[in-house]
Amino acid sequence: MLFRVDPSSAVPLGDQIAACARRAVADGSVAAGERLPAARALADSLGVNVHTVLRGYQRLREEGLIELRRGRGAVVTAGASPLRAQLLDSVRTAVAQARELGMAENDLLALVRTELNA
């Protein structure tokens, strides 16, 4: 799995790390049960603080894509399907676009509800 970050980007480094792993799940290059790189090793290879990597991993855990286990590290969950990862990526993109437009949270949620009820 290839992780890349752009320090000059407005996107926080932890979010960039999470996005790399999310894309790897989405394109099928990482499957359920596989381990992600150790946080310390990944931090060293990217030239970032280990806490930055852990923030990215924590976001993936909150999304249900990985489990963090002491002694085993970050493991892709059984529920981490490529379609789920693609959906999460699409949601992030939609939220970012809504923010760029200055759209209020309630307006975005109303759009989603409209689509769900269509």
C-alpha atoms as a PDB file:
ATOM      1  CA  MET A   1       0.000   0.000   0.000  1.00  0.00           C
ATOM      2  CA  LEU A   2       1.331   3.413  -0.956  1.00  0.00           C
ATOM      3  CA  PHE A   3       0.877   6.374   1.375  1.00  0.00           C
ATOM      4  CA  ARG A   4       1.559   9.880   0.126  1.00  0.00           C
ATOM      5  CA  VAL A   5       1.025  13.186   1.858  1.00  0.00           C
ATOM      6  CA  ASP A   6       1.323  16.752   0.645  1.00  0.00           C
ATOM      7  CA  PRO A   7       2.519  19.027   3.458  1.00  0.00           C
ATOM      8  CA  SER A   8       1.503  22.108   1.440  1.00  0.00           C
ATOM      9  CA  SER A   9      -2.126  20.952   1.147  1.00  0.00           C
ATOM     10  CA  ALA A  10      -4.879  22.565   3.207  1.00  0.00           C
ATOM     11  CA  VAL A  11      -6.053  19.035   4.087  1.00  0.00           C
ATOM     12  CA  PRO A  12      -4.631  17.949   7.459  1.00  0.00           C
ATOM     13  CA  LEU A  13      -1.915  15.279   7.186  1.00  0.00           C
ATOM     14  CA  GLY A  14      -3.892  12.817   9.329  1.00  0.00           C
ATOM     15  CA  ASP A  15      -6.842  13.133   6.948  1.00  0.00           C
ATOM     16  CA  GLN A  16      -4.524  12.580   3.976  1.00  0.00           C
ATOM     17  CA  ILE A  17      -3.214   9.394   5.594  1.00  0.00           C
ATOM     18  CA  ALA A  18      -6.760   8.187   6.253  1.00  0.00           C
ATOM     19  CA  ALA A  19      -7.711   8.956   2.641  1.00  0.00           C
ATOM     20  CA  CYS A  20      -4.795   6.862   1.329  1.00  0.00           C
ATOM     21  CA  ALA A  21      -5.910   3.850   3.351  1.00  0.00           C
ATOM     22  CA  ARG A  22      -9.574   4.432   2.453  1.00  0.00           C
ATOM     23  CA  ARG A  23      -8.688   4.443  -1.254  1.00  0.00           C
ATOM     24  CA  ALA A  24      -6.676   1.234  -0.851  1.00  0.00           C
ATOM     25  CA  VAL A  25      -9.742  -0.459   0.653  1.00  0.00           C
ATOM     26  CA  ALA A  26     -11.984   1.064  -2.036  1.00  0.00           C
ATOM     27  CA  ASP A  27      -9.842  -0.188  -4.925  1.00  0.00           C
ATOM     28  CA  GLY A  28      -9.413  -3.620  -3.362  1.00  0.00           C
ATOM     29  CA  SER A  29      -5.643  -3.447  -2.894  1.00  0.00           C
ATOM     30  CA  VAL A  30      -6.174  -3.973   0.858  1.00  0.00           C
ATOM     31  CA  ALA A  31      -8.648  -6.592   2.043  1.00  0.00           C
ATOM     32  CA  ALA A  32     -10.363  -7.405   5.320  1.00  0.00           C
ATOM     33  CA  GLY A  33      -7.967  -8.862   7.871  1.00  0.00           C
ATOM     34  CA  GLU A  34      -4.880  -7.189   6.430  1.00  0.00           C
ATOM     35  CA  ARG A  35      -2.723  -4.975   8.595  1.00  0.00           C
ATOM     36  CA  LEU A  36      -1.897  -1.390   7.841  1.00  0.00           C
ATOM     37  CA  PRO A  37       1.715  -0.293   8.367  1.00  0.00           C
ATOM     38  CA  ALA A  38       2.765   0.266  11.961  1.00  0.00           C
ATOM     39  CA  ALA A  39       2.156   3.874  12.959  1.00  0.00           C
ATOM     40  CA  ARG A  40       5.760   4.525  13.932  1.00  0.00           C
ATOM     41  CA  ALA A  41       7.155   3.008  10.726  1.00  0.00           C
ATOM     42  CA  LEU A  42       4.677   4.922   8.569  1.00  0.00           C
ATOM     43  CA  ALA A  43       5.429   8.171  10.395  1.00  0.00           C
ATOM     44  CA  ASP A  44       9.156   7.672   9.788  1.00  0.00           C
ATOM     45  CA  SER A  45       8.672   6.905   6.092  1.00  0.00           C
ATOM     46  CA  LEU A  46       6.418   9.960   5.573  1.00  0.00           C
ATOM     47  CA  GLY A  47       8.465  12.286   7.756  1.00  0.00           C
ATOM     48  CA  VAL A  48       5.534  13.098  10.050  1.00  0.00           C
ATOM     49  CA  ASN A  49       4.847  12.760  13.754  1.00  0.00           C
ATOM     50  CA  VAL A  50       3.524   9.366  14.919  1.00  0.00           C
ATOM     51  CA  HIS A  51       0.498  11.141  16.435  1.00  0.00           C
ATOM     52  CA  THR A  52      -0.406  12.406  12.968  1.00  0.00           C
ATOM     53  CA  VAL A  53      -0.567   8.822  11.704  1.00  0.00           C
ATOM     54  CA  LEU A  54      -2.541   7.776  14.768  1.00  0.00           C
ATOM     55  CA  ARG A  55      -5.063  10.588  14.103  1.00  0.00           C
ATOM     56  CA  GLY A  56      -5.567   9.224  10.592  1.00  0.00           C
ATOM     57  CA  TYR A  57      -5.951   5.691  11.918  1.00  0.00           C
ATOM     58  CA  GLN A  58      -8.407   6.909  14.563  1.00  0.00           C
ATOM     59  CA  ARG A  59     -10.564   8.471  11.834  1.00  0.00           C
ATOM     60  CA  LEU A  60     -10.597   5.143   9.957  1.00  0.00           C
ATOM     61  CA  ARG A  61     -11.586   3.385  13.180  1.00  0.00           C
ATOM     62  CA  GLU A  62     -14.470   5.845  13.682  1.00  0.00           C
ATOM     63  CA  GLU A  63     -15.592   5.070  10.117  1.00  0.00           C
ATOM     64  CA  GLY A  64     -15.574   1.349  10.874  1.00  0.00           C
ATOM     65  CA  LEU A  65     -12.865   0.540   8.329  1.00  0.00           C
ATOM     66  CA  ILE A  66     -10.166  -0.593  10.761  1.00  0.00           C
ATOM     67  CA  GLU A  67      -9.749  -1.947  14.253  1.00  0.00           C
ATOM     68  CA  LEU A  68      -6.899  -0.759  16.431  1.00  0.00           C
ATOM     69  CA  ARG A  69      -5.525  -3.560  18.580  1.00  0.00           C
ATOM     70  CA  ARG A  70      -2.729  -3.296  21.079  1.00  0.00           C
ATOM     71  CA  GLY A  71       0.098  -5.486  19.894  1.00  0.00           C
ATOM     72  CA  ARG A  72      -1.476  -6.137  16.466  1.00  0.00           C
ATOM     73  CA  GLY A  73      -1.783  -2.602  15.182  1.00  0.00           C
ATOM     74  CA  ALA A  74      -4.334  -1.415  12.658  1.00  0.00           C
ATOM     75  CA  VAL A  75      -6.282  -4.215  10.976  1.00  0.00           C
ATOM     76  CA  VAL A  76      -8.875  -3.760   8.220  1.00  0.00           C
ATOM     77  CA  THR A  77     -12.268  -4.892   9.548  1.00  0.00           C
ATOM     78  CA  ALA A  78     -14.445  -7.581   8.031  1.00  0.00           C
ATOM     79  CA  GLY A  79     -17.086  -4.910   7.341  1.00  0.00           C
ATOM     80  CA  ALA A  80     -14.668  -2.767   5.344  1.00  0.00           C
ATOM     81  CA  SER A  81     -15.926  -3.439   1.860  1.00  0.00           C
ATOM     82  CA  PRO A  82     -14.689  -1.530  -1.170  1.00  0.00           C
ATOM     83  CA  LEU A  83     -18.181  -0.094  -1.694  1.00  0.00           C
ATOM     84  CA  ARG A  84     -18.317   1.216   1.884  1.00  0.00           C
ATOM     85  CA  ALA A  85     -14.914   2.845   1.464  1.00  0.00           C
ATOM     86  CA  GLN A  86     -16.028   4.431  -1.833  1.00  0.00           C
ATOM     87  CA  LEU A  87     -19.180   5.739  -0.168  1.00  0.00           C
ATOM     88  CA  LEU A  88     -17.168   7.270   2.678  1.00  0.00           C
ATOM     89  CA  ASP A  89     -14.889   8.935   0.162  1.00  0.00           C
ATOM     90  CA  SER A  90     -17.901  10.304  -1.744  1.00  0.00           C
ATOM     91  CA  VAL A  91     -19.453  11.630   1.450  1.00  0.00           C
ATOM     92  CA  ARG A  92     -16.214  13.417   2.348  1.00  0.00           C
ATOM     93  CA  THR A  93     -16.103  14.975  -1.108  1.00  0.00           C
ATOM     94  CA  ALA A  94     -19.738  16.093  -0.862  1.00  0.00           C
ATOM     95  CA  VAL A  95     -19.162  17.668   2.551  1.00  0.00           C
ATOM     96  CA  ALA A  96     -16.050  19.481   1.294  1.00  0.00           C
ATOM     97  CA  GLN A  97     -17.985  20.814  -1.708  1.00  0.00           C
ATOM     98  CA  ALA A  98     -20.845  21.955   0.525  1.00  0.00           C
ATOM     99  CA  ARG A  99     -18.374  23.827   2.736  1.00  0.00           C
ATOM    100  CA  GLU A 100     -16.836  25.512  -0.312  1.00  0.00           C
ATOM    101  CA  LEU A 101     -20.317  26.695  -1.282  1.00  0.00           C
ATOM    102  CA  GLY A 102     -20.939  27.964   2.231  1.00  0.00           C
ATOM    103  CA  MET A 103     -23.865  25.594   2.614  1.00  0.00           C
ATOM    104  CA  ALA A 104     -25.268  25.151   6.106  1.00  0.00           C
ATOM    105  CA  GLU A 105     -25.258  21.688   7.667  1.00  0.00           C
ATOM    106  CA  ASN A 106     -29.069  21.539   7.714  1.00  0.00           C
ATOM    107  CA  ASP A 107     -29.220  22.361   3.998  1.00  0.00           C
ATOM    108  CA  LEU A 108     -26.814  19.544   3.158  1.00  0.00           C
ATOM    109  CA  LEU A 109     -28.742  17.115   5.358  1.00  0.00           C
ATOM    110  CA  ALA A 110     -31.977  18.181   3.656  1.00  0.00           C
ATOM    111  CA  LEU A 111     -30.434  17.367   0.260  1.00  0.00           C
ATOM    112  CA  VAL A 112     -29.393  13.922   1.495  1.00  0.00           C
ATOM    113  CA  ARG A 113     -32.860  13.258   2.948  1.00  0.00           C
ATOM    114  CA  THR A 114     -34.460  14.292  -0.324  1.00  0.00           C
ATOM    115  CA  GLU A 115     -32.293  11.781  -2.205  1.00  0.00           C
ATOM    116  CA  LEU A 116     -33.016   9.057   0.323  1.00  0.00           C
ATOM    117  CA  ASN A 117     -36.752   9.575  -0.055  1.00  0.00           C
ATOM    118  CA  ALA A 118     -36.688   9.799  -3.852  1.00  0.00           C
END
